[in-house]
Amino acid sequence: MEFRTVDRFTTPIRLLLAGYADPGVVEAVGPLPPLSAGELLEHGRRGDTVTTCVRYAYLGDLPPGASRLVDPARLSWVQVTELDLAERRSRVSLRPDDYADRLDARATQRFEPAPGDRTVRTVEGELRVHVPVVGRAVERALVAGLTEWLSAEAAAVDRWASTGR
């Protein structure tokens, strides 16, 4: 299932990107439904590229019948983000802790300056659940949860980055 979200930040792009490049952003965001708080596993910088690996767990509801094929307690993954500060974009992929053969997700984020010294982020991605019968329903649930989380994450990062942490 393909998805697209657009978030508007009150923070200037320079400060917002610095916030996303800071390993403290994971703790600043904290737990936001339907995901757990992130667990920072790795953070590194090479030139203009910042790479982070953060573990999350899905805590939201799944469609009826899905739990017979997917244990909700085992829906966790490592989110790998490669942020290119010069290009103002990032590539994101999810590496499931379990069910690697059943879940595949990736996205790109573009950050653009907006009028009034603000920033717009566009996220475009694809999430696939390879489970017979309920796969599409699980995709819809996960994408709905993910877009809800992205909106809340944007607000949390906006507050954190604009205050200078």
N, C-alpha and C. Protein backbone atom coordinates (compact mmCIF):
# COMPACT_ATOMS: atom_id res chain seq x y z
N MET A 1 0.84 -1.16 0.00
CA MET A 1 0.00 0.00 0.00
C MET A 1 0.90 1.24 0.00
N GLU A 2 0.65 2.11 -0.92
CA GLU A 2 1.41 3.36 -0.98
C GLU A 2 0.74 4.40 -0.08
N PHE A 3 1.58 5.30 0.45
CA PHE A 3 1.05 6.36 1.30
C PHE A 3 1.85 7.64 1.07
N ARG A 4 1.21 8.75 1.44
CA ARG A 4 1.85 10.07 1.30
C ARG A 4 1.29 10.95 2.40
N THR A 5 2.18 11.66 3.09
CA THR A 5 1.75 12.63 4.10
C THR A 5 2.52 13.92 3.89
N VAL A 6 1.91 15.02 4.32
CA VAL A 6 2.56 16.33 4.27
C VAL A 6 2.38 16.95 5.65
N ASP A 7 3.50 17.36 6.24
CA ASP A 7 3.47 18.00 7.55
C ASP A 7 4.11 19.38 7.44
N ARG A 8 3.53 20.34 8.16
CA ARG A 8 4.04 21.71 8.16
C ARG A 8 4.64 22.01 9.52
N PHE A 9 5.83 22.56 9.51
CA PHE A 9 6.57 22.88 10.73
C PHE A 9 6.71 24.39 10.84
N THR A 10 6.68 24.91 12.05
CA THR A 10 6.91 26.33 12.27
C THR A 10 8.40 26.64 12.38
N THR A 11 9.22 25.62 12.45
CA THR A 11 10.67 25.76 12.61
C THR A 11 11.34 25.96 11.25
N PRO A 12 12.31 26.88 11.16
CA PRO A 12 13.06 27.04 9.91
C PRO A 12 13.79 25.75 9.55
N ILE A 13 13.96 25.51 8.26
CA ILE A 13 14.52 24.25 7.78
C ILE A 13 15.89 23.94 8.38
N ARG A 14 16.72 24.93 8.55
CA ARG A 14 18.07 24.73 9.10
C ARG A 14 17.99 24.14 10.50
N LEU A 15 17.14 24.71 11.34
CA LEU A 15 16.98 24.21 12.72
C LEU A 15 16.28 22.85 12.75
N LEU A 16 15.30 22.67 11.87
CA LEU A 16 14.57 21.41 11.84
C LEU A 16 15.49 20.26 11.44
N LEU A 17 16.29 20.46 10.40
CA LEU A 17 17.23 19.41 9.99
C LEU A 17 18.27 19.13 11.07
N ALA A 18 18.71 20.17 11.74
CA ALA A 18 19.65 19.97 12.86
C ALA A 18 18.98 19.14 13.95
N GLY A 19 17.70 19.37 14.18
CA GLY A 19 16.96 18.58 15.16
C GLY A 19 16.87 17.12 14.77
N TYR A 20 16.54 16.86 13.50
CA TYR A 20 16.45 15.47 13.03
C TYR A 20 17.82 14.80 13.03
N ALA A 21 18.89 15.57 12.91
CA ALA A 21 20.24 15.01 12.91
C ALA A 21 20.76 14.73 14.32
N ASP A 22 20.09 15.25 15.32
CA ASP A 22 20.52 15.12 16.71
C ASP A 22 20.00 13.80 17.30
N PRO A 23 20.87 13.00 17.93
CA PRO A 23 20.39 11.74 18.51
C PRO A 23 19.36 11.95 19.63
N GLY A 24 19.31 13.12 20.21
CA GLY A 24 18.34 13.40 21.27
C GLY A 24 16.91 13.49 20.78
N VAL A 25 16.71 13.56 19.48
CA VAL A 25 15.35 13.68 18.95
C VAL A 25 14.51 12.46 19.30
N VAL A 26 15.12 11.29 19.37
CA VAL A 26 14.35 10.07 19.68
C VAL A 26 13.73 10.17 21.07
N GLU A 27 14.51 10.57 22.05
CA GLU A 27 14.00 10.72 23.41
C GLU A 27 13.00 11.87 23.48
N ALA A 28 13.26 12.95 22.74
CA ALA A 28 12.36 14.10 22.75
C ALA A 28 10.98 13.74 22.23
N VAL A 29 10.91 12.88 21.23
CA VAL A 29 9.62 12.48 20.67
C VAL A 29 8.88 11.57 21.64
N GLY A 30 9.57 10.62 22.25
CA GLY A 30 8.95 9.73 23.23
C GLY A 30 7.92 8.81 22.61
N PRO A 31 7.08 8.20 23.43
CA PRO A 31 6.04 7.31 22.90
C PRO A 31 4.88 8.12 22.33
N LEU A 32 4.47 7.78 21.14
CA LEU A 32 3.32 8.41 20.49
C LEU A 32 2.46 7.30 19.89
N PRO A 33 1.20 7.23 20.27
CA PRO A 33 0.34 6.18 19.74
C PRO A 33 0.32 6.22 18.21
N PRO A 34 0.32 5.08 17.59
CA PRO A 34 0.22 3.74 18.14
C PRO A 34 1.58 3.03 18.29
N LEU A 35 2.67 3.80 18.36
CA LEU A 35 3.99 3.19 18.49
C LEU A 35 4.56 3.39 19.88
N SER A 36 5.47 2.51 20.24
CA SER A 36 6.20 2.64 21.49
C SER A 36 7.18 3.80 21.37
N ALA A 37 7.80 4.16 22.47
CA ALA A 37 8.91 5.10 22.41
C ALA A 37 10.02 4.44 21.60
N GLY A 38 10.78 5.23 20.89
CA GLY A 38 11.89 4.68 20.13
C GLY A 38 13.07 4.36 21.02
N GLU A 39 13.80 3.33 20.65
CA GLU A 39 15.03 2.95 21.34
C GLU A 39 16.18 3.19 20.37
N LEU A 40 17.00 4.20 20.64
CA LEU A 40 18.11 4.53 19.75
C LEU A 40 19.16 3.42 19.83
N LEU A 41 19.43 2.77 18.70
CA LEU A 41 20.40 1.70 18.64
C LEU A 41 21.72 2.15 18.04
N GLU A 42 21.63 3.11 17.13
CA GLU A 42 22.83 3.56 16.43
C GLU A 42 22.61 4.98 15.91
N HIS A 43 23.66 5.77 15.97
CA HIS A 43 23.63 7.12 15.41
C HIS A 43 25.02 7.44 14.92
N GLY A 44 25.12 7.89 13.68
CA GLY A 44 26.44 8.23 13.15
C GLY A 44 26.33 9.28 12.07
N ARG A 45 27.42 9.98 11.87
CA ARG A 45 27.45 11.02 10.84
C ARG A 45 28.71 10.86 10.01
N ARG A 46 28.53 10.94 8.71
CA ARG A 46 29.63 10.91 7.75
C ARG A 46 29.38 12.02 6.75
N GLY A 47 30.13 13.09 6.88
CA GLY A 47 29.90 14.25 6.01
C GLY A 47 28.52 14.83 6.27
N ASP A 48 27.73 14.95 5.20
CA ASP A 48 26.38 15.50 5.31
C ASP A 48 25.32 14.42 5.54
N THR A 49 25.73 13.17 5.75
CA THR A 49 24.77 12.08 5.93
C THR A 49 24.74 11.62 7.37
N VAL A 50 23.55 11.63 7.95
CA VAL A 50 23.33 11.17 9.32
C VAL A 50 22.51 9.89 9.24
N THR A 51 23.02 8.83 9.85
CA THR A 51 22.32 7.55 9.86
C THR A 51 21.90 7.21 11.28
N THR A 52 20.62 6.87 11.43
CA THR A 52 20.12 6.44 12.74
C THR A 52 19.38 5.12 12.58
N CYS A 53 19.47 4.31 13.61
CA CYS A 53 18.72 3.07 13.71
C CYS A 53 17.95 3.12 15.02
N VAL A 54 16.63 3.03 14.93
CA VAL A 54 15.76 3.17 16.10
C VAL A 54 14.76 2.02 16.09
N ARG A 55 14.61 1.35 17.24
CA ARG A 55 13.64 0.26 17.35
C ARG A 55 12.31 0.82 17.86
N TYR A 56 11.23 0.37 17.19
CA TYR A 56 9.87 0.71 17.58
C TYR A 56 9.03 -0.56 17.66
N ALA A 57 7.97 -0.51 18.40
CA ALA A 57 6.97 -1.58 18.44
C ALA A 57 5.61 -0.98 18.12
N TYR A 58 4.81 -1.72 17.37
CA TYR A 58 3.45 -1.29 17.06
C TYR A 58 2.53 -1.71 18.20
N LEU A 59 1.82 -0.75 18.77
CA LEU A 59 0.96 -1.03 19.92
C LEU A 59 -0.53 -0.84 19.60
N GLY A 60 -0.83 -0.55 18.34
CA GLY A 60 -2.21 -0.31 17.95
C GLY A 60 -2.99 -1.59 17.73
N ASP A 61 -4.24 -1.42 17.37
CA ASP A 61 -5.13 -2.56 17.11
C ASP A 61 -4.91 -3.08 15.70
N LEU A 62 -5.09 -4.38 15.55
CA LEU A 62 -5.03 -5.03 14.24
C LEU A 62 -6.44 -5.47 13.86
N PRO A 63 -6.68 -5.66 12.58
CA PRO A 63 -8.00 -6.11 12.14
C PRO A 63 -8.34 -7.49 12.72
N PRO A 64 -9.63 -7.78 12.87
CA PRO A 64 -10.04 -9.10 13.37
C PRO A 64 -9.44 -10.22 12.51
N GLY A 65 -8.99 -11.24 13.16
CA GLY A 65 -8.43 -12.39 12.45
C GLY A 65 -6.94 -12.28 12.18
N ALA A 66 -6.40 -11.08 12.21
CA ALA A 66 -4.98 -10.91 11.89
C ALA A 66 -4.09 -11.54 12.95
N SER A 67 -4.54 -11.54 14.19
CA SER A 67 -3.70 -12.06 15.26
C SER A 67 -3.52 -13.58 15.19
N ARG A 68 -4.31 -14.26 14.36
CA ARG A 68 -4.09 -15.69 14.14
C ARG A 68 -2.85 -15.92 13.29
N LEU A 69 -2.49 -14.92 12.48
CA LEU A 69 -1.34 -15.06 11.58
C LEU A 69 -0.15 -14.21 11.99
N VAL A 70 -0.42 -13.16 12.77
CA VAL A 70 0.64 -12.24 13.20
C VAL A 70 0.43 -11.97 14.69
N ASP A 71 1.43 -12.27 15.48
CA ASP A 71 1.35 -12.00 16.92
C ASP A 71 1.60 -10.51 17.14
N PRO A 72 0.60 -9.76 17.63
CA PRO A 72 0.78 -8.32 17.81
C PRO A 72 1.97 -7.98 18.73
N ALA A 73 2.29 -8.84 19.66
CA ALA A 73 3.42 -8.60 20.57
C ALA A 73 4.77 -8.70 19.86
N ARG A 74 4.77 -9.24 18.64
CA ARG A 74 6.02 -9.39 17.90
C ARG A 74 6.12 -8.42 16.72
N LEU A 75 5.26 -7.39 16.72
CA LEU A 75 5.31 -6.38 15.66
C LEU A 75 6.26 -5.26 16.08
N SER A 76 7.54 -5.52 15.88
CA SER A 76 8.56 -4.50 16.18
C SER A 76 9.56 -4.51 15.04
N TRP A 77 10.27 -3.41 14.91
CA TRP A 77 11.21 -3.26 13.81
C TRP A 77 12.26 -2.23 14.16
N VAL A 78 13.31 -2.23 13.35
CA VAL A 78 14.32 -1.19 13.43
C VAL A 78 14.10 -0.27 12.23
N GLN A 79 13.92 1.00 12.53
CA GLN A 79 13.78 2.01 11.48
C GLN A 79 15.16 2.56 11.19
N VAL A 80 15.61 2.37 9.95
CA VAL A 80 16.91 2.87 9.52
C VAL A 80 16.66 4.13 8.68
N THR A 81 17.22 5.24 9.12
CA THR A 81 17.03 6.51 8.43
C THR A 81 18.38 7.05 8.02
N GLU A 82 18.51 7.37 6.74
CA GLU A 82 19.70 8.03 6.21
C GLU A 82 19.28 9.43 5.77
N LEU A 83 19.67 10.42 6.57
CA LEU A 83 19.30 11.81 6.33
C LEU A 83 20.44 12.51 5.61
N ASP A 84 20.17 13.01 4.43
CA ASP A 84 21.15 13.78 3.66
C ASP A 84 20.86 15.26 3.90
N LEU A 85 21.68 15.88 4.72
CA LEU A 85 21.45 17.27 5.10
C LEU A 85 21.58 18.22 3.92
N ALA A 86 22.52 17.95 3.01
CA ALA A 86 22.72 18.82 1.85
C ALA A 86 21.53 18.74 0.89
N GLU A 87 20.99 17.55 0.71
CA GLU A 87 19.86 17.35 -0.21
C GLU A 87 18.51 17.59 0.45
N ARG A 88 18.51 17.70 1.78
CA ARG A 88 17.27 17.92 2.55
C ARG A 88 16.27 16.79 2.32
N ARG A 89 16.77 15.59 2.35
CA ARG A 89 15.89 14.43 2.17
C ARG A 89 16.45 13.25 2.93
N SER A 90 15.58 12.30 3.19
CA SER A 90 16.05 11.08 3.85
C SER A 90 15.38 9.87 3.22
N ARG A 91 16.07 8.76 3.38
CA ARG A 91 15.53 7.45 2.99
C ARG A 91 15.31 6.68 4.29
N VAL A 92 14.15 6.06 4.38
CA VAL A 92 13.78 5.32 5.58
C VAL A 92 13.38 3.91 5.17
N SER A 93 13.88 2.92 5.91
CA SER A 93 13.45 1.54 5.69
C SER A 93 13.19 0.90 7.05
N LEU A 94 12.29 -0.05 7.06
CA LEU A 94 11.97 -0.78 8.28
C LEU A 94 12.53 -2.19 8.15
N ARG A 95 13.21 -2.63 9.20
CA ARG A 95 13.74 -3.99 9.26
C ARG A 95 13.04 -4.71 10.41
N PRO A 96 12.05 -5.53 10.08
CA PRO A 96 11.29 -6.21 11.13
C PRO A 96 12.18 -7.09 12.01
N ASP A 97 11.91 -7.07 13.32
CA ASP A 97 12.59 -7.99 14.22
C ASP A 97 12.08 -9.41 13.98
N ASP A 98 10.81 -9.55 13.70
CA ASP A 98 10.17 -10.81 13.34
C ASP A 98 9.38 -10.56 12.06
N TYR A 99 8.98 -11.60 11.42
CA TYR A 99 8.13 -11.50 10.23
C TYR A 99 8.80 -10.76 9.07
N ALA A 100 10.11 -10.90 8.94
CA ALA A 100 10.81 -10.22 7.85
C ALA A 100 10.28 -10.65 6.48
N ASP A 101 9.73 -11.85 6.42
CA ASP A 101 9.16 -12.33 5.16
C ASP A 101 7.75 -11.82 4.93
N ARG A 102 7.18 -11.13 5.93
CA ARG A 102 5.78 -10.69 5.82
C ARG A 102 5.60 -9.18 5.80
N LEU A 103 6.63 -8.44 6.17
CA LEU A 103 6.51 -6.98 6.24
C LEU A 103 7.66 -6.32 5.51
N ASP A 104 7.33 -5.42 4.62
CA ASP A 104 8.33 -4.67 3.86
C ASP A 104 7.86 -3.22 3.80
N ALA A 105 8.71 -2.29 4.24
CA ALA A 105 8.31 -0.88 4.23
C ALA A 105 9.50 0.00 3.98
N ARG A 106 9.26 1.05 3.20
CA ARG A 106 10.29 2.06 2.93
C ARG A 106 9.61 3.35 2.56
N ALA A 107 10.35 4.45 2.76
CA ALA A 107 9.79 5.76 2.45
C ALA A 107 10.92 6.74 2.18
N THR A 108 10.56 7.85 1.57
CA THR A 108 11.47 8.99 1.44
C THR A 108 10.80 10.19 2.09
N GLN A 109 11.62 11.05 2.66
CA GLN A 109 11.13 12.29 3.24
C GLN A 109 11.85 13.43 2.54
N ARG A 110 11.10 14.44 2.13
CA ARG A 110 11.68 15.64 1.54
C ARG A 110 11.33 16.82 2.44
N PHE A 111 12.32 17.63 2.75
CA PHE A 111 12.13 18.82 3.56
C PHE A 111 12.33 20.03 2.66
N GLU A 112 11.37 20.95 2.68
CA GLU A 112 11.46 22.12 1.83
C GLU A 112 11.14 23.37 2.64
N PRO A 113 11.87 24.46 2.34
CA PRO A 113 11.54 25.72 3.02
C PRO A 113 10.14 26.18 2.60
N ALA A 114 9.46 26.83 3.52
CA ALA A 114 8.12 27.35 3.26
C ALA A 114 8.09 28.82 3.66
N PRO A 115 7.13 29.57 3.15
CA PRO A 115 7.05 30.99 3.52
C PRO A 115 6.98 31.20 5.03
N GLY A 116 7.51 32.32 5.47
CA GLY A 116 7.48 32.65 6.88
C GLY A 116 8.55 31.92 7.68
N ASP A 117 9.63 31.50 7.01
CA ASP A 117 10.73 30.79 7.66
C ASP A 117 10.26 29.49 8.31
N ARG A 118 9.40 28.80 7.61
CA ARG A 118 8.85 27.53 8.07
C ARG A 118 9.34 26.40 7.18
N THR A 119 8.90 25.17 7.45
CA THR A 119 9.35 24.00 6.71
C THR A 119 8.17 23.09 6.42
N VAL A 120 8.21 22.44 5.26
CA VAL A 120 7.23 21.43 4.88
C VAL A 120 7.97 20.12 4.65
N ARG A 121 7.42 19.06 5.22
CA ARG A 121 7.98 17.72 5.00
C ARG A 121 6.95 16.88 4.26
N THR A 122 7.39 16.26 3.17
CA THR A 122 6.55 15.34 2.43
C THR A 122 7.15 13.94 2.57
N VAL A 123 6.33 13.01 3.02
CA VAL A 123 6.75 11.62 3.17
C VAL A 123 5.96 10.80 2.17
N GLU A 124 6.68 10.04 1.36
CA GLU A 124 6.06 9.13 0.40
C GLU A 124 6.66 7.76 0.60
N GLY A 125 5.80 6.76 0.70
CA GLY A 125 6.33 5.44 0.96
C GLY A 125 5.41 4.33 0.53
N GLU A 126 5.87 3.14 0.84
CA GLU A 126 5.13 1.93 0.51
C GLU A 126 5.30 0.94 1.65
N LEU A 127 4.21 0.34 2.05
CA LEU A 127 4.22 -0.67 3.10
C LEU A 127 3.46 -1.87 2.57
N ARG A 128 4.10 -3.04 2.63
CA ARG A 128 3.48 -4.27 2.14
C ARG A 128 3.47 -5.32 3.25
N VAL A 129 2.32 -5.95 3.42
CA VAL A 129 2.18 -7.06 4.35
C VAL A 129 1.84 -8.29 3.52
N HIS A 130 2.72 -9.27 3.57
CA HIS A 130 2.56 -10.49 2.77
C HIS A 130 1.95 -11.59 3.64
N VAL A 131 0.65 -11.44 3.91
CA VAL A 131 -0.09 -12.42 4.70
C VAL A 131 -1.39 -12.71 3.95
N PRO A 132 -1.66 -13.98 3.68
CA PRO A 132 -2.89 -14.31 2.96
C PRO A 132 -4.14 -13.83 3.70
N VAL A 133 -5.14 -13.50 2.96
CA VAL A 133 -6.48 -13.13 3.40
C VAL A 133 -6.53 -11.77 4.10
N VAL A 134 -5.74 -11.55 5.15
CA VAL A 134 -5.86 -10.33 5.95
C VAL A 134 -4.76 -9.31 5.65
N GLY A 135 -3.87 -9.61 4.71
CA GLY A 135 -2.74 -8.73 4.43
C GLY A 135 -3.13 -7.29 4.13
N ARG A 136 -4.10 -7.11 3.26
CA ARG A 136 -4.51 -5.74 2.90
C ARG A 136 -5.12 -5.00 4.09
N ALA A 137 -5.88 -5.71 4.90
CA ALA A 137 -6.49 -5.09 6.08
C ALA A 137 -5.40 -4.69 7.07
N VAL A 138 -4.39 -5.53 7.24
CA VAL A 138 -3.28 -5.20 8.13
C VAL A 138 -2.50 -4.01 7.57
N GLU A 139 -2.29 -3.98 6.26
CA GLU A 139 -1.62 -2.83 5.63
C GLU A 139 -2.38 -1.54 5.95
N ARG A 140 -3.69 -1.56 5.78
CA ARG A 140 -4.49 -0.36 6.06
C ARG A 140 -4.35 0.07 7.51
N ALA A 141 -4.38 -0.89 8.43
CA ALA A 141 -4.24 -0.56 9.86
C ALA A 141 -2.86 0.03 10.15
N LEU A 142 -1.83 -0.59 9.61
CA LEU A 142 -0.47 -0.11 9.87
C LEU A 142 -0.23 1.26 9.23
N VAL A 143 -0.71 1.46 8.01
CA VAL A 143 -0.54 2.76 7.35
C VAL A 143 -1.33 3.83 8.08
N ALA A 144 -2.53 3.52 8.54
CA ALA A 144 -3.30 4.50 9.32
C ALA A 144 -2.55 4.87 10.59
N GLY A 145 -2.01 3.88 11.28
CA GLY A 145 -1.23 4.14 12.48
C GLY A 145 0.03 4.91 12.19
N LEU A 146 0.68 4.57 11.10
CA LEU A 146 1.91 5.25 10.72
C LEU A 146 1.66 6.71 10.37
N THR A 147 0.62 7.00 9.63
CA THR A 147 0.34 8.40 9.28
C THR A 147 -0.08 9.20 10.51
N GLU A 148 -0.81 8.56 11.43
CA GLU A 148 -1.15 9.21 12.70
C GLU A 148 0.14 9.53 13.47
N TRP A 149 1.04 8.56 13.52
CA TRP A 149 2.30 8.74 14.25
C TRP A 149 3.15 9.84 13.59
N LEU A 150 3.23 9.85 12.27
CA LEU A 150 4.04 10.86 11.57
C LEU A 150 3.56 12.27 11.91
N SER A 151 2.26 12.47 11.96
CA SER A 151 1.71 13.78 12.29
C SER A 151 2.07 14.18 13.72
N ALA A 152 1.92 13.26 14.67
CA ALA A 152 2.26 13.55 16.06
C ALA A 152 3.77 13.73 16.22
N GLU A 153 4.55 12.93 15.51
CA GLU A 153 6.01 13.04 15.56
C GLU A 153 6.45 14.40 15.03
N ALA A 154 5.83 14.86 13.96
CA ALA A 154 6.16 16.16 13.39
C ALA A 154 5.92 17.27 14.42
N ALA A 155 4.79 17.22 15.11
CA ALA A 155 4.50 18.24 16.12
C ALA A 155 5.51 18.20 17.26
N ALA A 156 5.89 17.00 17.70
CA ALA A 156 6.86 16.86 18.79
C ALA A 156 8.23 17.38 18.38
N VAL A 157 8.67 17.03 17.18
CA VAL A 157 9.98 17.49 16.70
C VAL A 157 9.96 19.00 16.47
N ASP A 158 8.85 19.51 15.97
CA ASP A 158 8.73 20.95 15.74
C ASP A 158 8.91 21.72 17.05
N ARG A 159 8.21 21.27 18.10
CA ARG A 159 8.35 21.93 19.42
C ARG A 159 9.79 21.83 19.93
N TRP A 160 10.35 20.65 19.84
CA TRP A 160 11.69 20.40 20.37
C TRP A 160 12.76 21.19 19.60
N ALA A 161 12.73 21.14 18.28
CA ALA A 161 13.74 21.82 17.46
C ALA A 161 13.62 23.34 17.57
N SER A 162 12.40 23.85 17.68
CA SER A 162 12.22 25.31 17.73
C SER A 162 12.66 25.92 19.06
N THR A 163 12.70 25.12 20.10
CA THR A 163 13.10 25.65 21.41
C THR A 163 14.59 25.48 21.66
N GLY A 164 15.30 24.94 20.69
CA GLY A 164 16.74 24.74 20.86
C GLY A 164 17.05 23.61 21.82
N ARG A 165 16.07 22.75 22.03
CA ARG A 165 16.19 21.57 22.87
C ARG A 165 16.26 21.99 24.28
